[in-house]
Amino acid sequence: MKIGSWNVRGLNSGLKQREVRSLLLKCKLSALCIMEPNLTHQRHQHLKTHGFQQWSSEQRVCINNRSRMLLFWDSQLITLEIKEWKDQYIHTLIQSKVAGTFYAVTFIYGQLSVTSRRSMWEDLHRIATSMELPWLIMGDFNSPLSPMDKCGGMDVTSYATADFLDFVIRAGMEDLHATGCQFTWTNGRVVCKLDRAMVNKIWLEQDRSSVVEFRPPGIFSDHASCIISILELQRPQAKPFKFYNMWTTHQDFGQLVHENWTLADSMIREGVCQFKLKQKLLLLKKPLRQLNKESYQHIQERAKRAQIHLEEVQERVLTQGSVDEEYTEARKAADLLSQAEYLFYQQRAKHAYFNQVDRNTPFFHSLVKRNNKRREIVAIEKDDGVSTTSPQKVAQTFVRYYQELLGTQVVRASFQAECM
């Protein structure tokens, strides 16, 4: 499924209408939000019957009888329900008819002034507090998020970015992995990133493969178009074996390794030392995986339950005034699982400042998800110049490139002595 947004600076021109129609068809968009179409009600009705018949569309006219935002969607690909339509945003619920998945998608077109945008940030924060779905916000925010988002002109001040940054932190939003143009707007002298696409923590936790592409504006706008590709969840491949440091906190870890190592000694009698070591390590995989499954699987939930149980036991002990054996066991279990959880996220996050900050599991869980997504290659340009988001075609393109670079295996004819 693909969703787009674009600030076109007016859609009354026939050339711009043709460009928007071409974008819808070429990118196979399920939904597209046009910012600043400046269409009257009559022009919109004419548009629906001349060139855009296959798409559903809706707009709301402002005080000047012209629209700020225009929404197109393909009813054959998605079901779109408009939840809220305000001056600066359109909040929708989208269901993919192919995969059956639901997404909350909010299209943004912020006002120019900081004070005018504040009502939008308040509304978005209100939506975020009750959001239980994967949530995507995209469009023209008319505001940079940091000084790095602008080159040329006056410097970006903290006053200009404070409201945007406050919303991002409170709502837990993250920028999607982006390709294409780094900056999305220019007037010929200044370049700035005003358009962006962000997702919430639920989106990241569900491991949804998605990428946003910012395409060059062309001759019809000064804003880059924003195209988001949401890929269907792929069946997970078999994961390679990984040793987790948290296993060493288990009381039976040393005995488990010793017993299996001794057993391997009796089974492996031939081979060089390096081969024997390899076979011993291979034989350890199964018992270590079983240990992980029985004692550490879903470590975050296990640690949370142990903490709750400890608090219940502590409350009973401090209320009744008697300490029993259950208190000691509950405290020991909670301490061991808390330490194991710490080691697990420390190993996965690989962040230098982890040891200097308070443990915050949800934050580091999101950090791990974000880092993994940034390393993921979800789109690539093939030899013919066409971009693809298919995981199979991405893999094939890499294999073909290195085969051409390094060559392929050559089958040589066997030596024939009679030819001598």
Protein backbone atom coordinates (compact mmCIF):
# COMPACT_ATOMS: atom_id res chain seq x y z
CA MET A 1 0.00 0.00 0.00
CA LYS A 2 1.28 3.49 -0.88
CA ILE A 3 0.14 6.82 0.58
CA GLY A 4 1.28 10.26 -0.58
CA SER A 5 1.09 13.97 0.16
CA TRP A 6 2.13 16.98 -1.89
CA ASN A 7 1.89 20.75 -1.61
CA VAL A 8 1.20 21.78 -5.22
CA ARG A 9 0.53 25.50 -4.72
CA GLY A 10 -2.76 25.46 -6.61
CA LEU A 11 -4.55 22.80 -8.69
CA ASN A 12 -6.55 24.95 -11.10
CA SER A 13 -4.02 24.56 -13.92
CA GLY A 14 -4.60 21.71 -16.35
CA LEU A 15 -0.87 20.94 -16.38
CA LYS A 16 -0.81 20.52 -12.60
CA GLN A 17 -3.88 18.32 -12.71
CA ARG A 18 -2.15 16.12 -15.26
CA GLU A 19 0.95 15.94 -13.03
CA VAL A 20 -1.12 14.92 -9.98
CA ARG A 21 -2.98 12.30 -12.03
CA SER A 22 0.37 10.99 -13.29
CA LEU A 23 1.65 10.75 -9.69
CA LEU A 24 -1.43 8.78 -8.65
CA LEU A 25 -1.05 6.34 -11.54
CA LYS A 26 2.73 6.01 -11.67
CA CYS A 27 3.16 5.41 -7.93
CA LYS A 28 -0.06 3.36 -7.67
CA LEU A 29 -1.18 5.39 -4.68
CA SER A 30 -4.00 4.19 -2.46
CA ALA A 31 -4.43 7.70 -1.02
CA LEU A 32 -3.03 11.16 -1.78
CA CYS A 33 -3.50 14.41 0.12
CA ILE A 34 -2.99 17.62 -1.87
CA MET A 35 -2.05 20.72 0.15
CA GLU A 36 -3.14 24.15 -1.06
CA PRO A 37 -5.23 23.08 -4.08
CA ASN A 38 -7.16 26.41 -3.90
CA LEU A 39 -10.22 24.87 -5.56
CA THR A 40 -13.74 26.19 -5.28
CA HIS A 41 -16.62 23.75 -4.80
CA GLN A 42 -17.53 24.02 -8.48
CA ARG A 43 -13.96 23.35 -9.66
CA HIS A 44 -13.73 20.32 -7.38
CA GLN A 45 -16.93 18.86 -8.80
CA HIS A 46 -15.61 19.41 -12.32
CA LEU A 47 -12.34 17.74 -11.36
CA LYS A 48 -14.14 14.63 -10.08
CA THR A 49 -15.75 14.03 -13.46
CA HIS A 50 -12.85 15.07 -15.70
CA GLY A 51 -9.70 12.99 -15.27
CA PHE A 52 -10.17 11.76 -11.69
CA GLN A 53 -13.23 9.58 -12.06
CA GLN A 54 -11.61 6.41 -10.67
CA TRP A 55 -10.72 8.04 -7.33
CA SER A 56 -12.95 9.15 -4.51
CA SER A 57 -12.18 12.66 -3.29
CA GLU A 58 -13.26 15.17 -0.70
CA GLN A 59 -12.36 18.74 0.26
CA ARG A 60 -13.61 21.44 2.64
CA VAL A 61 -13.70 25.06 1.50
CA CYS A 62 -12.47 27.83 3.81
CA ILE A 63 -13.69 31.36 4.41
CA ASN A 64 -12.41 32.48 1.00
CA ASN A 65 -14.49 29.68 -0.64
CA ARG A 66 -11.30 27.83 -1.59
CA SER A 67 -9.82 24.67 -0.14
CA ARG A 68 -6.59 24.17 1.86
CA MET A 69 -6.53 20.38 1.56
CA LEU A 70 -7.90 17.88 -0.96
CA LEU A 71 -8.00 14.14 -0.33
CA PHE A 72 -7.98 11.44 -3.04
CA TRP A 73 -8.27 7.70 -2.35
CA ASP A 74 -8.85 4.51 -4.34
CA SER A 75 -11.95 2.76 -2.97
CA GLN A 76 -10.94 -0.49 -4.66
CA LEU A 77 -7.72 -0.70 -2.61
CA ILE A 78 -8.63 0.82 0.76
CA THR A 79 -11.52 1.78 2.97
CA LEU A 80 -11.05 5.33 4.22
CA GLU A 81 -13.06 6.91 7.04
CA ILE A 82 -12.56 10.58 7.92
CA LYS A 83 -12.55 10.96 11.71
CA GLU A 84 -11.68 14.66 11.99
CA TRP A 85 -11.23 17.44 9.45
CA LYS A 86 -9.75 20.62 10.84
CA ASP A 87 -8.10 23.62 9.20
CA GLN A 88 -4.59 22.16 9.63
CA TYR A 89 -5.09 18.40 9.51
CA ILE A 90 -7.26 15.52 8.33
CA HIS A 91 -7.38 12.53 10.69
CA THR A 92 -8.46 9.30 8.97
CA LEU A 93 -8.79 5.58 9.58
CA ILE A 94 -7.58 3.45 6.67
CA GLN A 95 -8.05 -0.29 6.14
CA SER A 96 -6.15 -2.11 3.41
CA LYS A 97 -8.52 -4.36 1.47
CA VAL A 98 -5.59 -6.57 0.45
CA ALA A 99 -4.05 -7.24 3.88
CA GLY A 100 -7.04 -6.28 6.04
CA THR A 101 -4.83 -4.17 8.35
CA PHE A 102 -5.96 -0.91 9.95
CA TYR A 103 -3.91 2.29 10.14
CA ALA A 104 -4.58 5.71 11.61
CA VAL A 105 -3.26 8.29 9.13
CA THR A 106 -3.23 12.04 9.77
CA PHE A 107 -2.44 14.43 6.92
CA ILE A 108 -0.88 17.72 8.04
CA TYR A 109 -0.81 21.19 6.53
CA GLY A 110 0.40 23.53 9.27
CA GLN A 111 -0.13 27.27 9.37
CA LEU A 112 2.82 29.58 8.78
CA SER A 113 3.07 31.17 12.24
CA VAL A 114 4.16 29.45 15.46
CA THR A 115 1.12 30.65 17.40
CA SER A 116 -1.32 29.50 14.70
CA ARG A 117 0.14 25.97 14.80
CA ARG A 118 -0.29 25.55 18.56
CA SER A 119 -3.91 24.46 18.31
CA MET A 120 -2.80 21.76 15.85
CA TRP A 121 -0.15 20.42 18.27
CA GLU A 122 -2.72 20.31 21.07
CA ASP A 123 -5.18 18.38 18.88
CA LEU A 124 -2.50 15.94 17.75
CA HIS A 125 -1.43 15.31 21.34
CA ARG A 126 -5.07 14.64 22.25
CA ILE A 127 -5.27 12.09 19.42
CA ALA A 128 -1.97 10.52 20.51
CA THR A 129 -3.11 9.92 24.11
CA SER A 130 -5.98 7.69 22.97
CA MET A 131 -4.25 6.09 19.97
CA GLU A 132 -4.24 2.27 20.01
CA LEU A 133 -3.41 1.68 16.33
CA PRO A 134 -0.28 2.08 14.21
CA TRP A 135 -0.34 5.84 13.56
CA LEU A 136 1.23 7.74 10.68
CA ILE A 137 1.34 11.54 10.42
CA MET A 138 2.60 13.09 7.20
CA GLY A 139 2.48 16.25 5.15
CA ASP A 140 3.68 19.84 5.19
CA PHE A 141 4.26 20.83 8.82
CA ASN A 142 5.55 24.30 7.83
CA SER A 143 8.05 23.94 10.66
CA PRO A 144 11.55 22.48 10.95
CA LEU A 145 12.22 20.13 13.86
CA SER A 146 15.87 21.07 14.44
CA PRO A 147 18.48 23.58 13.18
CA MET A 148 19.82 20.80 10.90
CA ASP A 149 16.58 20.97 8.89
CA LYS A 150 17.50 24.30 7.27
CA CYS A 151 20.35 25.65 5.15
CA GLY A 152 20.61 29.34 4.28
CA GLY A 153 18.66 32.33 5.50
CA MET A 154 18.09 33.08 9.18
CA ASP A 155 19.02 30.46 11.78
CA VAL A 156 16.32 28.20 13.21
CA THR A 157 15.49 29.34 16.75
CA SER A 158 14.42 27.17 19.68
CA TYR A 159 11.20 29.20 19.82
CA ALA A 160 10.29 28.07 16.28
CA THR A 161 10.85 24.36 17.03
CA ALA A 162 9.81 24.11 20.71
CA ASP A 163 6.13 23.19 20.14
CA PHE A 164 6.93 20.62 17.45
CA LEU A 165 9.69 19.03 19.54
CA ASP A 166 7.45 18.93 22.62
CA PHE A 167 4.74 17.07 20.69
CA VAL A 168 7.24 14.56 19.25
CA ILE A 169 8.62 13.75 22.71
CA ARG A 170 5.25 13.51 24.47
CA ALA A 171 3.64 11.43 21.70
CA GLY A 172 6.71 9.23 21.15
CA MET A 173 6.88 9.86 17.40
CA GLU A 174 9.78 8.81 15.16
CA ASP A 175 10.74 9.80 11.62
CA LEU A 176 10.26 7.03 9.08
CA HIS A 177 13.34 5.79 7.24
CA ALA A 178 13.63 8.21 4.31
CA THR A 179 15.13 8.11 0.83
CA GLY A 180 15.41 10.76 -1.87
CA CYS A 181 15.69 14.47 -1.08
CA GLN A 182 17.05 15.41 2.34
CA PHE A 183 15.34 18.82 2.25
CA THR A 184 11.79 19.20 0.93
CA TRP A 185 11.32 22.90 0.13
CA THR A 186 13.32 25.68 -1.51
CA ASN A 187 12.75 29.20 -2.77
CA GLY A 188 15.97 29.24 -4.75
CA ARG A 189 18.03 30.71 -1.91
CA VAL A 190 17.02 28.70 1.20
CA VAL A 191 16.41 24.96 1.54
CA CYS A 192 14.42 23.50 4.42
CA LYS A 193 12.82 20.23 5.55
CA LEU A 194 9.18 21.19 6.07
CA ASP A 195 7.56 17.95 4.87
CA ARG A 196 8.05 14.72 6.80
CA ALA A 197 6.46 11.42 7.80
CA MET A 198 6.42 10.17 11.41
CA VAL A 199 5.04 7.07 13.16
CA ASN A 200 4.20 6.17 16.75
CA LYS A 201 5.66 3.48 19.02
CA ILE A 202 2.92 0.96 18.14
CA TRP A 203 3.96 1.16 14.48
CA LEU A 204 7.58 0.42 15.44
CA GLU A 205 6.66 -2.40 17.82
CA GLN A 206 4.69 -4.20 15.11
CA ASP A 207 7.81 -4.32 12.89
CA ARG A 208 6.05 -2.82 9.89
CA SER A 209 8.41 -2.43 6.95
CA SER A 210 7.84 1.05 5.55
CA VAL A 211 9.89 3.73 3.82
CA VAL A 212 9.20 7.29 2.73
CA GLU A 213 10.56 8.73 -0.51
CA PHE A 214 10.83 12.49 -1.04
CA ARG A 215 10.75 13.08 -4.78
CA PRO A 216 12.05 16.25 -6.54
CA PRO A 217 9.30 18.91 -6.90
CA GLY A 218 9.61 19.42 -10.67
CA ILE A 219 8.35 22.58 -12.35
CA PHE A 220 4.92 22.71 -10.71
CA SER A 221 5.80 23.19 -7.03
CA ASP A 222 8.54 24.22 -4.63
CA HIS A 223 7.76 21.28 -2.30
CA ALA A 224 8.96 17.69 -2.72
CA SER A 225 6.20 15.10 -2.95
CA CYS A 226 6.11 12.55 -0.11
CA ILE A 227 5.42 8.91 -1.02
CA ILE A 228 5.17 6.25 1.71
CA SER A 229 5.37 2.55 0.86
CA ILE A 230 3.89 0.25 3.51
CA LEU A 231 4.97 -3.30 2.81
CA GLU A 232 3.02 -6.34 3.89
CA LEU A 233 4.45 -8.18 6.88
CA GLN A 234 6.83 -10.84 5.64
CA ARG A 235 6.95 -14.32 7.15
CA PRO A 236 9.90 -14.23 9.55
CA GLN A 237 12.88 -16.27 8.46
CA ALA A 238 14.70 -18.65 10.79
CA LYS A 239 16.75 -16.55 13.20
CA PRO A 240 20.44 -17.34 13.66
CA PHE A 241 21.59 -18.48 17.09
CA LYS A 242 22.63 -15.65 19.41
CA PHE A 243 24.21 -15.91 22.84
CA TYR A 244 22.52 -13.60 25.36
CA ASN A 245 24.46 -12.44 28.40
CA MET A 246 21.34 -12.72 30.56
CA TRP A 247 21.61 -16.54 30.46
CA THR A 248 24.67 -16.34 32.73
CA THR A 249 22.45 -15.07 35.58
CA HIS A 250 20.58 -18.40 35.74
CA GLN A 251 21.63 -20.55 38.69
CA ASP A 252 21.92 -23.68 36.51
CA PHE A 253 23.83 -22.07 33.65
CA GLY A 254 27.29 -23.26 34.69
CA GLN A 255 26.11 -26.81 35.39
CA LEU A 256 24.22 -26.93 32.06
CA VAL A 257 27.32 -25.94 30.09
CA HIS A 258 29.57 -28.32 32.03
CA GLU A 259 27.28 -31.33 31.56
CA ASN A 260 26.83 -30.82 27.82
CA TRP A 261 30.52 -30.05 27.32
CA THR A 262 31.46 -33.31 29.08
CA LEU A 263 28.87 -35.22 27.04
CA ALA A 264 30.32 -33.78 23.85
CA ASP A 265 33.79 -34.97 24.90
CA SER A 266 32.54 -38.54 25.01
CA MET A 267 30.77 -38.24 21.64
CA ILE A 268 33.48 -36.47 19.61
CA ARG A 269 36.67 -38.53 19.50
CA GLU A 270 38.07 -37.73 16.05
CA GLY A 271 39.16 -34.51 14.37
CA VAL A 272 41.46 -31.61 15.06
CA CYS A 273 40.94 -29.35 18.07
CA GLN A 274 39.20 -26.62 16.06
CA PHE A 275 36.69 -29.14 14.66
CA LYS A 276 35.99 -30.53 18.15
CA LEU A 277 35.41 -27.04 19.52
CA LYS A 278 32.97 -26.27 16.72
CA GLN A 279 31.01 -29.49 17.34
CA LYS A 280 30.84 -28.83 21.08
CA LEU A 281 29.45 -25.33 20.48
CA LEU A 282 26.88 -26.73 18.04
CA LEU A 283 25.71 -29.27 20.63
CA LEU A 284 25.25 -26.46 23.16
CA LYS A 285 22.72 -24.63 20.97
CA LYS A 286 19.72 -26.83 21.76
CA PRO A 287 20.02 -26.82 25.60
CA LEU A 288 20.68 -23.05 25.62
CA ARG A 289 17.65 -22.41 23.44
CA GLN A 290 15.58 -24.56 25.80
CA LEU A 291 16.91 -22.59 28.78
CA ASN A 292 15.92 -19.34 27.06
CA LYS A 293 12.43 -20.65 26.29
CA GLU A 294 11.76 -21.87 29.83
CA SER A 295 13.30 -19.00 31.82
CA TYR A 296 13.80 -15.89 29.67
CA GLN A 297 11.30 -15.82 26.80
CA HIS A 298 9.31 -12.55 26.86
CA ILE A 299 11.76 -11.22 29.45
CA GLN A 300 10.07 -7.82 29.70
CA GLU A 301 6.74 -9.38 30.67
CA ARG A 302 8.38 -11.87 33.06
CA ALA A 303 10.27 -9.07 34.85
CA LYS A 304 7.10 -6.98 35.07
CA ARG A 305 5.07 -9.84 36.58
CA ALA A 306 7.86 -10.62 39.08
CA GLN A 307 7.94 -6.95 40.14
CA ILE A 308 4.17 -6.87 40.64
CA HIS A 309 4.27 -10.10 42.65
CA LEU A 310 7.07 -8.73 44.84
CA GLU A 311 5.10 -5.56 45.56
CA GLU A 312 2.04 -7.64 46.52
CA VAL A 313 4.14 -9.77 48.90
CA GLN A 314 5.83 -6.66 50.37
CA GLU A 315 2.46 -5.02 50.96
CA ARG A 316 1.21 -8.12 52.79
CA VAL A 317 4.38 -8.40 54.87
CA LEU A 318 4.39 -4.73 55.85
CA THR A 319 0.67 -4.88 56.67
CA GLN A 320 0.72 -8.08 58.73
CA GLY A 321 4.17 -7.52 60.24
CA SER A 322 5.50 -11.02 59.56
CA VAL A 323 8.25 -12.01 57.11
CA ASP A 324 8.03 -15.47 55.53
CA GLU A 325 10.00 -17.49 52.99
CA GLU A 326 7.82 -16.29 50.09
CA TYR A 327 9.15 -12.74 50.58
CA THR A 328 12.76 -13.86 50.15
CA GLU A 329 11.94 -15.95 47.07
CA ALA A 330 9.86 -13.19 45.45
CA ARG A 331 12.60 -10.61 45.99
CA LYS A 332 15.29 -12.94 44.63
CA ALA A 333 13.20 -13.79 41.53
CA ALA A 334 12.39 -10.13 40.83
CA ASP A 335 16.03 -9.12 41.25
CA LEU A 336 17.33 -11.86 38.92
CA LEU A 337 14.75 -11.13 36.21
CA SER A 338 15.35 -7.38 36.49
CA GLN A 339 19.08 -7.94 36.06
CA ALA A 340 18.46 -10.28 33.12
CA GLU A 341 16.16 -7.71 31.46
CA TYR A 342 18.85 -5.04 31.92
CA LEU A 343 21.50 -7.26 30.31
CA PHE A 344 19.15 -8.14 27.45
CA TYR A 345 18.46 -4.52 26.45
CA GLN A 346 22.02 -3.45 27.12
CA GLN A 347 23.24 -6.09 24.67
CA ARG A 348 20.65 -5.29 22.02
CA ALA A 349 20.74 -1.50 22.22
CA LYS A 350 24.57 -1.34 22.09
CA HIS A 351 24.41 2.28 23.30
CA ALA A 352 27.39 3.83 25.07
CA TYR A 353 25.33 5.93 27.46
CA PHE A 354 23.16 3.04 28.66
CA ASN A 355 25.22 2.64 31.84
CA GLN A 356 24.97 6.34 32.67
CA VAL A 357 21.17 6.69 32.58
CA ASP A 358 18.22 5.26 34.46
CA ARG A 359 16.83 2.03 33.04
CA ASN A 360 13.83 2.77 30.82
CA THR A 361 12.74 -0.39 29.07
CA PRO A 362 10.09 1.08 26.70
CA PHE A 363 12.56 3.71 25.52
CA PHE A 364 15.30 1.21 24.76
CA HIS A 365 12.80 -1.18 23.21
CA SER A 366 11.85 1.59 20.77
CA LEU A 367 15.54 2.41 20.29
CA VAL A 368 16.30 -1.16 19.24
CA LYS A 369 13.36 -1.19 16.82
CA ARG A 370 14.41 2.14 15.32
CA ASN A 371 18.05 1.09 14.87
CA ASN A 372 17.02 -2.16 13.21
CA LYS A 373 14.69 -0.34 10.82
CA ARG A 374 17.39 2.20 9.91
CA ARG A 375 19.70 -0.64 8.88
CA GLU A 376 17.00 -2.39 6.87
CA ILE A 377 17.11 -1.95 3.07
CA VAL A 378 13.46 -1.80 2.02
CA ALA A 379 13.87 -0.21 -1.43
CA ILE A 380 16.50 -0.23 -4.17
CA GLU A 381 16.89 1.08 -7.70
CA LYS A 382 17.35 -1.74 -10.20
CA ASP A 383 19.64 -1.74 -13.26
CA ASP A 384 16.83 -0.38 -15.44
CA GLY A 385 16.38 2.66 -13.16
CA VAL A 386 13.06 1.46 -11.68
CA SER A 387 12.77 1.38 -7.89
CA THR A 388 11.40 -1.72 -6.17
CA THR A 389 10.27 -2.47 -2.62
CA SER A 390 9.86 -6.23 -3.10
CA PRO A 391 12.15 -8.07 -0.61
CA GLN A 392 12.82 -10.78 -3.21
CA LYS A 393 13.78 -8.29 -5.93
CA VAL A 394 15.94 -6.29 -3.51
CA ALA A 395 17.86 -9.48 -2.65
CA GLN A 396 18.13 -10.48 -6.32
CA THR A 397 19.51 -7.04 -7.24
CA PHE A 398 22.27 -7.36 -4.62
CA VAL A 399 23.16 -10.90 -5.71
CA ARG A 400 23.26 -9.93 -9.39
CA TYR A 401 25.44 -6.87 -8.65
CA TYR A 402 28.08 -8.88 -6.80
CA GLN A 403 27.97 -11.69 -9.34
CA GLU A 404 28.81 -9.16 -12.05
CA LEU A 405 31.45 -7.57 -9.82
CA LEU A 406 33.18 -10.74 -8.64
CA GLY A 407 32.23 -13.14 -11.41
CA THR A 408 30.52 -16.51 -11.21
CA GLN A 409 31.88 -20.01 -10.79
CA VAL A 410 33.26 -21.47 -14.03
CA VAL A 411 32.93 -25.19 -14.69
CA ARG A 412 36.19 -26.38 -16.24
CA ALA A 413 36.55 -29.51 -18.34
CA SER A 414 38.48 -32.34 -16.72
CA PHE A 415 42.07 -32.99 -17.83
CA GLN A 416 42.33 -35.61 -20.57
CA ALA A 417 45.71 -37.36 -20.55
CA GLU A 418 45.23 -38.88 -23.99
CA CYS A 419 45.38 -35.43 -25.52
CA MET A 420 49.06 -35.11 -24.49
